[in-house]
Structure formats: C-alpha cells, structure tokens
Amino acid sequence: MPQTREHLLLARQVEVPAIVVCLNKVDAMDDEELLELVEMEMRELLNKYEFPGDEIPIVRVSALKADESKS
C-alpha cells in the first residue's frame, strides 16, 4: 500500500478534514477474512496518519460491476 500511504500523508499535510476509504475490486476476492484483514490494516494506517481509523467509513466496491451496469 505505498500509494495509499502517500495519499494519506498528503491528505494530512494539506489538512483534509474528512475522508472515506474505498476498497475496489472486492468482487475479485472470495475470502471474507482477507477483506477484513485489509480493512484492519487500512484502519491502522489511518490511525498512524492521525485520522480516526475506527470511525472512517470503508466502502467495498466493484468498479467492474459498476461499469457493466451502464445503460
């Protein structure tokens, strides 16, 4: 997650007041435990950069499924 770390660092430096985390490509993963592990790691990273990791919403999405549903 090097890019995620950079984004969080930049968000902290420019004093972004609130963020939402989007986990993409969850349709490619069948392992719920692995998804939960990724969420836990993300919350730890948020806390490291002084964001309220336990309060920030983490939304699971599938860009592929969204793209397929275009009319």
Protein backbone atom coordinates (compact mmCIF):
# COMPACT_ATOMS: atom_id res chain seq x y z
CA MET A 1 0.00 0.00 0.00
CA PRO A 2 2.79 2.52 -0.72
CA GLN A 3 0.50 4.72 -2.82
CA THR A 4 -2.14 4.68 -0.09
CA ARG A 5 0.46 5.82 2.44
CA GLU A 6 1.45 8.69 0.14
CA HIS A 7 -2.18 9.73 -0.29
CA LEU A 8 -2.77 9.72 3.46
CA LEU A 9 0.42 11.69 4.09
CA LEU A 10 -0.60 14.30 1.52
CA ALA A 11 -4.13 14.45 2.92
CA ARG A 12 -2.70 15.07 6.39
CA GLN A 13 -0.25 17.71 5.12
CA VAL A 14 -2.96 19.74 3.35
CA GLU A 15 -5.31 19.27 6.30
CA VAL A 16 -8.09 17.36 4.55
CA PRO A 17 -10.87 17.46 7.16
CA ALA A 18 -12.59 14.15 6.33
CA ILE A 19 -12.06 11.13 4.12
CA VAL A 20 -13.81 7.96 3.02
CA VAL A 21 -11.86 4.84 2.07
CA CYS A 22 -12.91 2.88 -0.99
CA LEU A 23 -11.77 -0.73 -1.34
CA ASN A 24 -12.00 -1.53 -5.03
CA LYS A 25 -12.05 -4.90 -6.81
CA VAL A 26 -13.69 -6.73 -3.91
CA ASP A 27 -15.52 -8.85 -6.47
CA ALA A 28 -12.16 -10.42 -7.33
CA MET A 29 -11.77 -11.73 -3.78
CA ASP A 30 -13.80 -14.58 -2.34
CA ASP A 31 -12.09 -14.62 1.04
CA GLU A 32 -14.03 -12.56 3.58
CA GLU A 33 -11.27 -12.96 6.17
CA LEU A 34 -8.75 -11.45 3.77
CA LEU A 35 -11.04 -8.48 3.12
CA GLU A 36 -11.40 -7.96 6.87
CA LEU A 37 -7.61 -8.10 7.23
CA VAL A 38 -7.21 -5.44 4.54
CA GLU A 39 -9.76 -3.26 6.36
CA MET A 40 -7.90 -3.71 9.67
CA GLU A 41 -4.59 -2.77 8.05
CA MET A 42 -6.23 0.26 6.47
CA ARG A 43 -7.62 1.41 9.82
CA GLU A 44 -4.17 1.02 11.40
CA LEU A 45 -2.68 3.10 8.61
CA LEU A 46 -5.34 5.77 9.08
CA ASN A 47 -4.53 5.92 12.78
CA LYS A 48 -0.82 6.19 12.01
CA TYR A 49 -1.50 9.33 9.98
CA GLU A 50 -3.73 10.73 12.74
CA PHE A 51 -7.08 10.10 11.09
CA PRO A 52 -9.82 8.49 13.19
CA GLY A 53 -9.34 5.00 11.75
CA ASP A 54 -12.11 3.43 13.81
CA GLU A 55 -14.67 5.99 12.63
CA ILE A 56 -13.85 6.46 8.95
CA PRO A 57 -16.19 4.56 6.62
CA ILE A 58 -14.60 1.91 4.44
CA VAL A 59 -16.76 1.19 1.42
CA ARG A 60 -16.33 -2.01 -0.58
CA VAL A 61 -16.91 -1.54 -4.30
CA SER A 62 -16.51 -3.23 -7.64
CA ALA A 63 -15.66 -0.87 -10.48
CA LEU A 64 -16.13 -3.72 -12.96
CA LYS A 65 -19.69 -4.42 -11.81
CA ALA A 66 -20.46 -0.69 -11.84
CA ASP A 67 -19.10 -0.40 -15.37
CA GLU A 68 -21.12 -3.41 -16.55
CA SER A 69 -24.36 -1.85 -15.29
CA LYS A 70 -24.12 1.18 -17.62
CA SER A 71 -27.16 1.72 -19.80
